[in-house]
Amino acid sequence: GVQEVTQLDRPEDWFNALPPFLGQPGYGALVKSGKRPKANEHSIFVR
């Protein structure tokens, strides 16, 4: 909600629940593996 997101491991949150349907890992899994998306990266998480 109105808080900056810090809890990244809940599978029900949209950024973790939806990517597998596009053949991609959830956001929490990316951060945990040291692959947090970066600016100008071709990522579904980053415009």
All heavy atoms as atom14 arrays in JSON, in Angstrom:
{
  "sequence": "GVQEVTQLDRPEDWFNALPPFLGQPGYGALVKSGKRPKANEHSIFVR",
  "atom14_mask": [
    [1, 1, 1, 1, 0, 0, 0, 0, 0, 0, 0, 0, 0, 0],
    [1, 1, 1, 1, 1, 1, 1, 0, 0, 0, 0, 0, 0, 0],
    [1, 1, 1, 1, 1, 1, 1, 1, 1, 0, 0, 0, 0, 0],
    [1, 1, 1, 1, 1, 1, 1, 1, 1, 0, 0, 0, 0, 0],
    [1, 1, 1, 1, 1, 1, 1, 0, 0, 0, 0, 0, 0, 0],
    [1, 1, 1, 1, 1, 1, 1, 0, 0, 0, 0, 0, 0, 0],
    [1, 1, 1, 1, 1, 1, 1, 1, 1, 0, 0, 0, 0, 0],
    [1, 1, 1, 1, 1, 1, 1, 1, 0, 0, 0, 0, 0, 0],
    [1, 1, 1, 1, 1, 1, 1, 1, 0, 0, 0, 0, 0, 0],
    [1, 1, 1, 1, 1, 1, 1, 1, 1, 1, 1, 0, 0, 0],
    [1, 1, 1, 1, 1, 1, 1, 0, 0, 0, 0, 0, 0, 0],
    [1, 1, 1, 1, 1, 1, 1, 1, 1, 0, 0, 0, 0, 0],
    [1, 1, 1, 1, 1, 1, 1, 1, 0, 0, 0, 0, 0, 0],
    [1, 1, 1, 1, 1, 1, 1, 1, 1, 1, 1, 1, 1, 1],
    [1, 1, 1, 1, 1, 1, 1, 1, 1, 1, 1, 0, 0, 0],
    [1, 1, 1, 1, 1, 1, 1, 1, 0, 0, 0, 0, 0, 0],
    [1, 1, 1, 1, 1, 0, 0, 0, 0, 0, 0, 0, 0, 0],
    [1, 1, 1, 1, 1, 1, 1, 1, 0, 0, 0, 0, 0, 0],
    [1, 1, 1, 1, 1, 1, 1, 0, 0, 0, 0, 0, 0, 0],
    [1, 1, 1, 1, 1, 1, 1, 0, 0, 0, 0, 0, 0, 0],
    [1, 1, 1, 1, 1, 1, 1, 1, 1, 1, 1, 0, 0, 0],
    [1, 1, 1, 1, 1, 1, 1, 1, 0, 0, 0, 0, 0, 0],
    [1, 1, 1, 1, 0, 0, 0, 0, 0, 0, 0, 0, 0, 0],
    [1, 1, 1, 1, 1, 1, 1, 1, 1, 0, 0, 0, 0, 0],
    [1, 1, 1, 1, 1, 1, 1, 0, 0, 0, 0, 0, 0, 0],
    [1, 1, 1, 1, 0, 0, 0, 0, 0, 0, 0, 0, 0, 0],
    [1, 1, 1, 1, 1, 1, 1, 1, 1, 1, 1, 1, 0, 0],
    [1, 1, 1, 1, 0, 0, 0, 0, 0, 0, 0, 0, 0, 0],
    [1, 1, 1, 1, 1, 0, 0, 0, 0, 0, 0, 0, 0, 0],
    [1, 1, 1, 1, 1, 1, 1, 1, 0, 0, 0, 0, 0, 0],
    [1, 1, 1, 1, 1, 1, 1, 0, 0, 0, 0, 0, 0, 0],
    [1, 1, 1, 1, 1, 1, 1, 1, 1, 0, 0, 0, 0, 0],
    [1, 1, 1, 1, 1, 1, 0, 0, 0, 0, 0, 0, 0, 0],
    [1, 1, 1, 1, 0, 0, 0, 0, 0, 0, 0, 0, 0, 0],
    [1, 1, 1, 1, 1, 1, 1, 1, 1, 0, 0, 0, 0, 0],
    [1, 1, 1, 1, 1, 1, 1, 1, 1, 1, 1, 0, 0, 0],
    [1, 1, 1, 1, 1, 1, 1, 0, 0, 0, 0, 0, 0, 0],
    [1, 1, 1, 1, 1, 1, 1, 1, 1, 0, 0, 0, 0, 0],
    [1, 1, 1, 1, 1, 0, 0, 0, 0, 0, 0, 0, 0, 0],
    [1, 1, 1, 1, 1, 1, 1, 1, 0, 0, 0, 0, 0, 0],
    [1, 1, 1, 1, 1, 1, 1, 1, 1, 0, 0, 0, 0, 0],
    [1, 1, 1, 1, 1, 1, 1, 1, 1, 1, 0, 0, 0, 0],
    [1, 1, 1, 1, 1, 1, 0, 0, 0, 0, 0, 0, 0, 0],
    [1, 1, 1, 1, 1, 1, 1, 1, 0, 0, 0, 0, 0, 0],
    [1, 1, 1, 1, 1, 1, 1, 1, 1, 1, 1, 0, 0, 0],
    [1, 1, 1, 1, 1, 1, 1, 0, 0, 0, 0, 0, 0, 0],
    [1, 1, 1, 1, 1, 1, 1, 1, 1, 1, 1, 0, 0, 0]
  ],
  "atom14_positions": [
    [[0.79, -1.22, 0.0], [0.0, 0.0, 0.0], [0.82, 1.26, 0.0], [1.71, 1.45, -0.82], [0.0, 0.0, 0.0], [0.0, 0.0, 0.0], [0.0, 0.0, 0.0], [0.0, 0.0, 0.0], [0.0, 0.0, 0.0], [0.0, 0.0, 0.0], [0.0, 0.0, 0.0], [0.0, 0.0, 0.0], [0.0, 0.0, 0.0], [0.0, 0.0, 0.0]],
    [[0.53, 2.17, 0.94], [1.17, 3.49, 0.95], [2.63, 3.44, 1.41], [3.34, 4.43, 1.32], [0.38, 4.48, 1.84], [-1.03, 4.67, 1.33], [0.37, 4.01, 3.3], [0.0, 0.0, 0.0], [0.0, 0.0, 0.0], [0.0, 0.0, 0.0], [0.0, 0.0, 0.0], [0.0, 0.0, 0.0], [0.0, 0.0, 0.0], [0.0, 0.0, 0.0]],
    [[3.06, 2.32, 1.94], [4.45, 2.18, 2.39], [5.35, 1.76, 1.22], [4.91, 1.05, 0.32], [4.55, 1.13, 3.48], [3.7, 1.38, 4.7], [3.73, 0.22, 5.68], [4.53, -0.71, 5.53], [2.87, 0.26, 6.68], [0.0, 0.0, 0.0], [0.0, 0.0, 0.0], [0.0, 0.0, 0.0], [0.0, 0.0, 0.0], [0.0, 0.0, 0.0]],
    [[6.6, 2.2, 1.28], [7.58, 1.66, 0.34], [7.66, 0.16, 0.55], [7.71, -0.31, 1.68], [8.95, 2.31, 0.56], [9.0, 3.76, 0.17], [10.4, 4.33, 0.23], [11.35, 3.55, 0.43], [10.55, 5.56, 0.09], [0.0, 0.0, 0.0], [0.0, 0.0, 0.0], [0.0, 0.0, 0.0], [0.0, 0.0, 0.0], [0.0, 0.0, 0.0]],
    [[7.68, -0.58, -0.55], [7.64, -2.03, -0.42], [8.99, -2.57, 0.05], [10.03, -2.29, -0.54], [7.19, -2.7, -1.74], [8.13, -2.4, -2.88], [7.05, -4.21, -1.56], [0.0, 0.0, 0.0], [0.0, 0.0, 0.0], [0.0, 0.0, 0.0], [0.0, 0.0, 0.0], [0.0, 0.0, 0.0], [0.0, 0.0, 0.0], [0.0, 0.0, 0.0]],
    [[8.95, -3.3, 1.15], [10.14, -3.95, 1.69], [9.93, -5.45, 1.85], [10.91, -6.2, 1.89], [10.52, -3.35, 3.05], [9.4, -3.45, 3.94], [10.92, -1.88, 2.91], [0.0, 0.0, 0.0], [0.0, 0.0, 0.0], [0.0, 0.0, 0.0], [0.0, 0.0, 0.0], [0.0, 0.0, 0.0], [0.0, 0.0, 0.0], [0.0, 0.0, 0.0]],
    [[8.67, -5.88, 1.96], [8.38, -7.3, 2.07], [8.2, -7.87, 0.67], [7.22, -7.6, -0.01], [7.12, -7.53, 2.9], [6.89, -9.0, 3.23], [5.83, -9.18, 4.3], [5.31, -8.23, 4.86], [5.5, -10.44, 4.59], [0.0, 0.0, 0.0], [0.0, 0.0, 0.0], [0.0, 0.0, 0.0], [0.0, 0.0, 0.0], [0.0, 0.0, 0.0]],
    [[9.19, -8.63, 0.26], [9.26, -9.08, -1.13], [9.02, -10.58, -1.31], [9.09, -11.08, -2.43], [10.62, -8.72, -1.73], [11.01, -7.24, -1.69], [12.45, -7.05, -2.18], [10.05, -6.41, -2.53], [0.0, 0.0, 0.0], [0.0, 0.0, 0.0], [0.0, 0.0, 0.0], [0.0, 0.0, 0.0], [0.0, 0.0, 0.0], [0.0, 0.0, 0.0]],
    [[8.74, -11.28, -0.22], [8.7, -12.74, -0.3], [7.3, -13.35, -0.29], [7.15, -14.57, -0.28], [9.52, -13.35, 0.84], [9.02, -12.92, 2.22], [8.14, -12.04, 2.29], [9.53, -13.46, 3.23], [0.0, 0.0, 0.0], [0.0, 0.0, 0.0], [0.0, 0.0, 0.0], [0.0, 0.0, 0.0], [0.0, 0.0, 0.0], [0.0, 0.0, 0.0]],
    [[6.25, -12.52, -0.28], [4.9, -13.09, -0.28], [4.51, -13.52, -1.68], [4.46, -12.68, -2.6], [3.89, -12.08, 0.26], [4.05, -11.78, 1.74], [2.95, -10.89, 2.29], [2.94, -9.56, 1.72], [2.43, -8.48, 2.33], [1.88, -8.62, 3.53], [2.44, -7.31, 1.75], [0.0, 0.0, 0.0], [0.0, 0.0, 0.0], [0.0, 0.0, 0.0]],
    [[4.23, -14.79, -1.89], [3.91, -15.28, -3.24], [2.62, -14.72, -3.81], [2.42, -14.7, -5.02], [3.83, -16.8, -3.07], [3.58, -17.02, -1.62], [4.26, -15.9, -0.91], [0.0, 0.0, 0.0], [0.0, 0.0, 0.0], [0.0, 0.0, 0.0], [0.0, 0.0, 0.0], [0.0, 0.0, 0.0], [0.0, 0.0, 0.0], [0.0, 0.0, 0.0]],
    [[1.72, -14.22, -2.97], [0.43, -13.72, -3.44], [0.51, -12.3, -3.99], [-0.41, -11.85, -4.67], [-0.61, -13.75, -2.31], [-0.88, -15.14, -1.75], [0.05, -15.48, -0.58], [1.03, -14.74, -0.35], [-0.21, -16.49, 0.09], [0.0, 0.0, 0.0], [0.0, 0.0, 0.0], [0.0, 0.0, 0.0], [0.0, 0.0, 0.0], [0.0, 0.0, 0.0]],
    [[1.57, -11.56, -3.67], [1.69, -10.2, -4.18], [1.92, -10.23, -5.69], [2.63, -11.09, -6.21], [2.84, -9.47, -3.48], [2.46, -8.95, -2.11], [1.27, -8.66, -1.9], [3.35, -8.83, -1.24], [0.0, 0.0, 0.0], [0.0, 0.0, 0.0], [0.0, 0.0, 0.0], [0.0, 0.0, 0.0], [0.0, 0.0, 0.0], [0.0, 0.0, 0.0]],
    [[1.33, -9.26, -6.38], [1.3, -9.28, -7.84], [2.67, -9.42, -8.48], [2.82, -10.1, -9.5], [0.6, -8.02, -8.36], [1.37, -6.74, -8.18], [1.32, -5.89, -7.12], [2.31, -6.17, -9.1], [2.18, -4.83, -7.3], [2.79, -4.98, -8.52], [2.78, -6.54, -10.36], [3.73, -4.15, -9.14], [3.72, -5.72, -10.99], [4.18, -4.55, -10.38]],
    [[3.7, -8.81, -7.89], [5.03, -8.83, -8.49], [5.71, -10.18, -8.34], [6.74, -10.44, -8.99], [5.9, -7.7, -7.92], [5.91, -7.63, -6.41], [6.75, -8.44, -5.65], [5.09, -6.74, -5.76], [6.76, -8.37, -4.27], [5.08, -6.65, -4.37], [5.92, -7.47, -3.62], [0.0, 0.0, 0.0], [0.0, 0.0, 0.0], [0.0, 0.0, 0.0]],
    [[5.15, -11.06, -7.49], [5.64, -12.44, -7.4], [4.67, -13.43, -8.04], [5.1, -14.45, -8.6], [5.83, -12.84, -5.93], [7.01, -12.13, -5.28], [8.02, -11.88, -5.93], [6.88, -11.81, -4.01], [0.0, 0.0, 0.0], [0.0, 0.0, 0.0], [0.0, 0.0, 0.0], [0.0, 0.0, 0.0], [0.0, 0.0, 0.0], [0.0, 0.0, 0.0]],
    [[3.39, -13.12, -7.98], [2.36, -14.06, -8.46], [2.26, -14.12, -9.98], [1.99, -15.18, -10.56], [1.0, -13.69, -7.86], [0.0, 0.0, 0.0], [0.0, 0.0, 0.0], [0.0, 0.0, 0.0], [0.0, 0.0, 0.0], [0.0, 0.0, 0.0], [0.0, 0.0, 0.0], [0.0, 0.0, 0.0], [0.0, 0.0, 0.0], [0.0, 0.0, 0.0]],
    [[2.48, -12.99, -10.67], [2.23, -12.93, -12.11], [3.41, -13.32, -13.01], [3.2, -13.93, -14.06], [1.73, -11.53, -12.48], [0.43, -11.08, -11.83], [0.01, -9.71, -12.37], [-0.69, -12.09, -12.05], [0.0, 0.0, 0.0], [0.0, 0.0, 0.0], [0.0, 0.0, 0.0], [0.0, 0.0, 0.0], [0.0, 0.0, 0.0], [0.0, 0.0, 0.0]],
    [[4.66, -12.97, -12.67], [5.77, -13.27, -13.59], [5.88, -14.73, -14.03], [6.22, -14.99, -15.2], [7.0, -12.82, -12.82], [6.51, -11.7, -11.97], [5.13, -12.14, -11.54], [0.0, 0.0, 0.0], [0.0, 0.0, 0.0], [0.0, 0.0, 0.0], [0.0, 0.0, 0.0], [0.0, 0.0, 0.0], [0.0, 0.0, 0.0], [0.0, 0.0, 0.0]],
    [[5.61, -15.73, -13.17], [5.71, -17.12, -13.64], [4.82, -17.42, -14.85], [5.13, -18.3, -15.66], [5.28, -17.94, -12.41], [5.68, -17.09, -11.25], [5.38, -15.69, -11.7], [0.0, 0.0, 0.0], [0.0, 0.0, 0.0], [0.0, 0.0, 0.0], [0.0, 0.0, 0.0], [0.0, 0.0, 0.0], [0.0, 0.0, 0.0], [0.0, 0.0, 0.0]],
    [[3.72, -16.68, -15.0], [2.83, -16.89, -16.15], [3.42, -16.28, -17.43], [2.89, -16.48, -18.51], [1.45, -16.3, -15.86], [0.71, -17.05, -14.79], [0.79, -16.64, -13.46], [-0.03, -18.18, -15.1], [0.13, -17.34, -12.47], [-0.69, -18.88, -14.11], [-0.62, -18.47, -12.79], [0.0, 0.0, 0.0], [0.0, 0.0, 0.0], [0.0, 0.0, 0.0]],
    [[4.53, -15.57, -17.27], [5.29, -15.07, -18.42], [6.62, -15.79, -18.55], [7.51, -15.37, -19.29], [5.53, -13.55, -18.26], [4.27, -12.67, -18.2], [4.66, -11.23, -17.88], [3.51, -12.74, -19.52], [0.0, 0.0, 0.0], [0.0, 0.0, 0.0], [0.0, 0.0, 0.0], [0.0, 0.0, 0.0], [0.0, 0.0, 0.0], [0.0, 0.0, 0.0]],
    [[6.77, -16.87, -17.79], [8.0, -17.66, -17.84], [9.17, -16.98, -17.15], [10.32, -17.24, -17.49], [0.0, 0.0, 0.0], [0.0, 0.0, 0.0], [0.0, 0.0, 0.0], [0.0, 0.0, 0.0], [0.0, 0.0, 0.0], [0.0, 0.0, 0.0], [0.0, 0.0, 0.0], [0.0, 0.0, 0.0], [0.0, 0.0, 0.0], [0.0, 0.0, 0.0]],
    [[8.88, -16.13, -16.17], [9.94, -15.39, -15.48], [9.81, -15.55, -13.97], [8.71, -15.8, -13.45], [9.87, -13.91, -15.85], [10.03, -13.66, -17.35], [10.21, -12.2, -17.67], [10.87, -11.47, -16.94], [9.62, -11.77, -18.77], [0.0, 0.0, 0.0], [0.0, 0.0, 0.0], [0.0, 0.0, 0.0], [0.0, 0.0, 0.0], [0.0, 0.0, 0.0]],
    [[10.91, -15.39, -13.24], [10.83, -15.48, -11.78], [10.14, -14.26, -11.18], [10.12, -13.19, -11.78], [12.3, -15.55, -11.35], [13.04, -14.88, -12.46], [12.29, -15.19, -13.72], [0.0, 0.0, 0.0], [0.0, 0.0, 0.0], [0.0, 0.0, 0.0], [0.0, 0.0, 0.0], [0.0, 0.0, 0.0], [0.0, 0.0, 0.0], [0.0, 0.0, 0.0]],
    [[9.6, -14.42, -10.0], [9.0, -13.3, -9.28], [10.06, -12.32, -8.84], [11.27, -12.62, -8.82], [0.0, 0.0, 0.0], [0.0, 0.0, 0.0], [0.0, 0.0, 0.0], [0.0, 0.0, 0.0], [0.0, 0.0, 0.0], [0.0, 0.0, 0.0], [0.0, 0.0, 0.0], [0.0, 0.0, 0.0], [0.0, 0.0, 0.0], [0.0, 0.0, 0.0]],
    [[9.61, -11.13, -8.46], [10.56, -10.08, -8.08], [11.38, -10.47, -6.85], [12.59, -10.25, -6.8], [9.81, -8.77, -7.81], [10.73, -7.59, -7.73], [11.1, -6.89, -8.87], [11.26, -7.17, -6.51], [11.97, -5.81, -8.8], [12.12, -6.1, -6.43], [12.47, -5.42, -7.58], [13.35, -4.37, -7.51], [0.0, 0.0, 0.0], [0.0, 0.0, 0.0]],
    [[10.7, -11.05, -5.86], [11.41, -11.46, -4.65], [12.53, -12.45, -4.95], [13.62, -12.36, -4.36], [0.0, 0.0, 0.0], [0.0, 0.0, 0.0], [0.0, 0.0, 0.0], [0.0, 0.0, 0.0], [0.0, 0.0, 0.0], [0.0, 0.0, 0.0], [0.0, 0.0, 0.0], [0.0, 0.0, 0.0], [0.0, 0.0, 0.0], [0.0, 0.0, 0.0]],
    [[12.28, -13.38, -5.86], [13.31, -14.36, -6.23], [14.49, -13.69, -6.92], [15.65, -14.07, -6.7], [12.7, -15.44, -7.13], [0.0, 0.0, 0.0], [0.0, 0.0, 0.0], [0.0, 0.0, 0.0], [0.0, 0.0, 0.0], [0.0, 0.0, 0.0], [0.0, 0.0, 0.0], [0.0, 0.0, 0.0], [0.0, 0.0, 0.0], [0.0, 0.0, 0.0]],
    [[14.22, -12.7, -7.75], [15.3, -11.96, -8.41], [16.18, -11.25, -7.4], [17.41, -11.31, -7.48], [14.72, -10.95, -9.4], [14.12, -11.5, -10.69], [13.5, -10.36, -11.5], [15.18, -12.21, -11.53], [0.0, 0.0, 0.0], [0.0, 0.0, 0.0], [0.0, 0.0, 0.0], [0.0, 0.0, 0.0], [0.0, 0.0, 0.0], [0.0, 0.0, 0.0]],
    [[15.55, -10.57, -6.44], [16.32, -9.85, -5.43], [17.14, -10.82, -4.59], [18.32, -10.58, -4.29], [15.38, -9.01, -4.55], [16.15, -8.39, -3.38], [14.72, -7.91, -5.37], [0.0, 0.0, 0.0], [0.0, 0.0, 0.0], [0.0, 0.0, 0.0], [0.0, 0.0, 0.0], [0.0, 0.0, 0.0], [0.0, 0.0, 0.0], [0.0, 0.0, 0.0]],
    [[16.52, -11.92, -4.2], [17.2, -12.91, -3.37], [18.42, -13.49, -4.06], [19.43, -13.8, -3.41], [16.22, -14.03, -3.0], [16.76, -15.01, -1.98], [15.69, -16.01, -1.57], [16.22, -16.98, -0.51], [15.17, -17.95, -0.09], [0.0, 0.0, 0.0], [0.0, 0.0, 0.0], [0.0, 0.0, 0.0], [0.0, 0.0, 0.0], [0.0, 0.0, 0.0]],
    [[18.36, -13.62, -5.38], [19.5, -14.19, -6.14], [20.48, -13.12, -6.6], [21.38, -13.42, -7.39], [18.98, -14.98, -7.34], [18.29, -14.12, -8.24], [0.0, 0.0, 0.0], [0.0, 0.0, 0.0], [0.0, 0.0, 0.0], [0.0, 0.0, 0.0], [0.0, 0.0, 0.0], [0.0, 0.0, 0.0], [0.0, 0.0, 0.0], [0.0, 0.0, 0.0]],
    [[20.31, -11.89, -6.14], [21.22, -10.82, -6.51], [21.0, -10.26, -7.9], [21.9, -9.65, -8.47], [0.0, 0.0, 0.0], [0.0, 0.0, 0.0], [0.0, 0.0, 0.0], [0.0, 0.0, 0.0], [0.0, 0.0, 0.0], [0.0, 0.0, 0.0], [0.0, 0.0, 0.0], [0.0, 0.0, 0.0], [0.0, 0.0, 0.0], [0.0, 0.0, 0.0]],
    [[19.79, -10.45, -8.44], [19.5, -9.99, -9.81], [18.42, -8.91, -9.81], [17.58, -8.86, -10.71], [19.07, -11.17, -10.67], [20.16, -12.22, -10.83], [19.67, -13.4, -11.66], [20.76, -14.46, -11.8], [20.28, -15.64, -12.57], [0.0, 0.0, 0.0], [0.0, 0.0, 0.0], [0.0, 0.0, 0.0], [0.0, 0.0, 0.0], [0.0, 0.0, 0.0]],
    [[18.45, -8.06, -8.82], [17.47, -6.97, -8.74], [17.53, -6.14, -10.03], [18.6, -5.73, -10.46], [17.81, -6.08, -7.54], [16.91, -4.87, -7.34], [17.41, -4.11, -6.11], [16.65, -2.91, -5.83], [16.86, -1.74, -6.4], [17.81, -1.6, -7.33], [16.14, -0.68, -6.05], [0.0, 0.0, 0.0], [0.0, 0.0, 0.0], [0.0, 0.0, 0.0]],
    [[16.38, -5.91, -10.68], [16.38, -5.14, -11.93], [17.0, -3.75, -11.76], [16.9, -3.14, -10.7], [14.88, -5.04, -12.28], [14.28, -6.24, -11.65], [15.03, -6.43, -10.36], [0.0, 0.0, 0.0], [0.0, 0.0, 0.0], [0.0, 0.0, 0.0], [0.0, 0.0, 0.0], [0.0, 0.0, 0.0], [0.0, 0.0, 0.0], [0.0, 0.0, 0.0]],
    [[17.62, -3.27, -12.84], [18.29, -1.98, -12.84], [17.64, -1.04, -13.86], [16.91, -1.47, -14.74], [19.78, -2.15, -13.17], [20.54, -3.05, -12.22], [21.99, -3.19, -12.66], [22.8, -4.03, -11.68], [22.28, -5.41, -11.56], [0.0, 0.0, 0.0], [0.0, 0.0, 0.0], [0.0, 0.0, 0.0], [0.0, 0.0, 0.0], [0.0, 0.0, 0.0]],
    [[17.94, 0.25, -13.71], [17.45, 1.24, -14.67], [17.96, 0.91, -16.06], [19.09, 0.43, -16.23], [17.9, 2.63, -14.25], [0.0, 0.0, 0.0], [0.0, 0.0, 0.0], [0.0, 0.0, 0.0], [0.0, 0.0, 0.0], [0.0, 0.0, 0.0], [0.0, 0.0, 0.0], [0.0, 0.0, 0.0], [0.0, 0.0, 0.0], [0.0, 0.0, 0.0]],
    [[17.14, 1.16, -17.06], [17.45, 0.92, -18.47], [17.62, -0.55, -18.82], [18.09, -0.88, -19.9], [18.71, 1.7, -18.88], [18.57, 3.19, -18.68], [17.53, 3.77, -19.02], [19.58, 3.82, -18.11], [0.0, 0.0, 0.0], [0.0, 0.0, 0.0], [0.0, 0.0, 0.0], [0.0, 0.0, 0.0], [0.0, 0.0, 0.0], [0.0, 0.0, 0.0]],
    [[17.24, -1.42, -17.9], [17.29, -2.86, -18.16], [16.0, -3.29, -18.83], [14.92, -2.79, -18.49], [17.48, -3.6, -16.84], [17.66, -5.1, -16.95], [17.94, -5.71, -15.59], [18.89, -5.27, -14.94], [17.2, -6.62, -15.19], [0.0, 0.0, 0.0], [0.0, 0.0, 0.0], [0.0, 0.0, 0.0], [0.0, 0.0, 0.0], [0.0, 0.0, 0.0]],
    [[16.09, -4.19, -19.78], [14.88, -4.68, -20.43], [14.21, -5.68, -19.49], [14.52, -6.86, -19.47], [15.21, -5.34, -21.77], [13.98, -5.68, -22.56], [13.23, -4.73, -23.22], [13.34, -6.87, -22.77], [12.2, -5.31, -23.82], [12.25, -6.6, -23.55], [0.0, 0.0, 0.0], [0.0, 0.0, 0.0], [0.0, 0.0, 0.0], [0.0, 0.0, 0.0]],
    [[13.3, -5.17, -18.68], [12.66, -5.98, -17.65], [11.19, -5.62, -17.59], [10.81, -4.45, -17.76], [13.31, -5.69, -16.29], [12.53, -6.21, -15.23], [0.0, 0.0, 0.0], [0.0, 0.0, 0.0], [0.0, 0.0, 0.0], [0.0, 0.0, 0.0], [0.0, 0.0, 0.0], [0.0, 0.0, 0.0], [0.0, 0.0, 0.0], [0.0, 0.0, 0.0]],
    [[10.34, -6.6, -17.31], [8.91, -6.32, -17.19], [8.62, -5.47, -15.95], [7.54, -4.88, -15.85], [8.08, -7.62, -17.14], [8.51, -8.5, -15.98], [8.15, -8.36, -18.47], [7.61, -9.69, -15.74], [0.0, 0.0, 0.0], [0.0, 0.0, 0.0], [0.0, 0.0, 0.0], [0.0, 0.0, 0.0], [0.0, 0.0, 0.0], [0.0, 0.0, 0.0]],
    [[9.55, -5.4, -15.03], [9.35, -4.63, -13.81], [9.71, -3.15, -13.97], [9.34, -2.34, -13.13], [10.18, -5.21, -12.67], [9.83, -6.62, -12.3], [10.63, -7.68, -12.7], [8.69, -6.89, -11.57], [10.31, -8.98, -12.37], [8.36, -8.2, -11.24], [9.17, -9.25, -11.63], [0.0, 0.0, 0.0], [0.0, 0.0, 0.0], [0.0, 0.0, 0.0]],
    [[10.47, -2.82, -15.01], [11.03, -1.48, -15.14], [10.6, -0.86, -16.47], [10.87, -1.4, -17.54], [12.57, -1.52, -15.07], [13.14, -0.12, -15.22], [13.02, -2.15, -13.75], [0.0, 0.0, 0.0], [0.0, 0.0, 0.0], [0.0, 0.0, 0.0], [0.0, 0.0, 0.0], [0.0, 0.0, 0.0], [0.0, 0.0, 0.0], [0.0, 0.0, 0.0]],
    [[9.93, 0.28, -16.4], [9.53, 0.97, -17.62], [10.71, 1.72, -18.22], [11.64, 2.12, -17.5], [8.38, 1.94, -17.34], [8.74, 3.04, -16.38], [7.64, 4.07, -16.25], [7.98, 5.05, -15.24], [8.82, 6.05, -15.42], [9.41, 6.22, -16.59], [9.1, 6.91, -14.45], [0.0, 0.0, 0.0], [0.0, 0.0, 0.0], [0.0, 0.0, 0.0]]
  ]
}
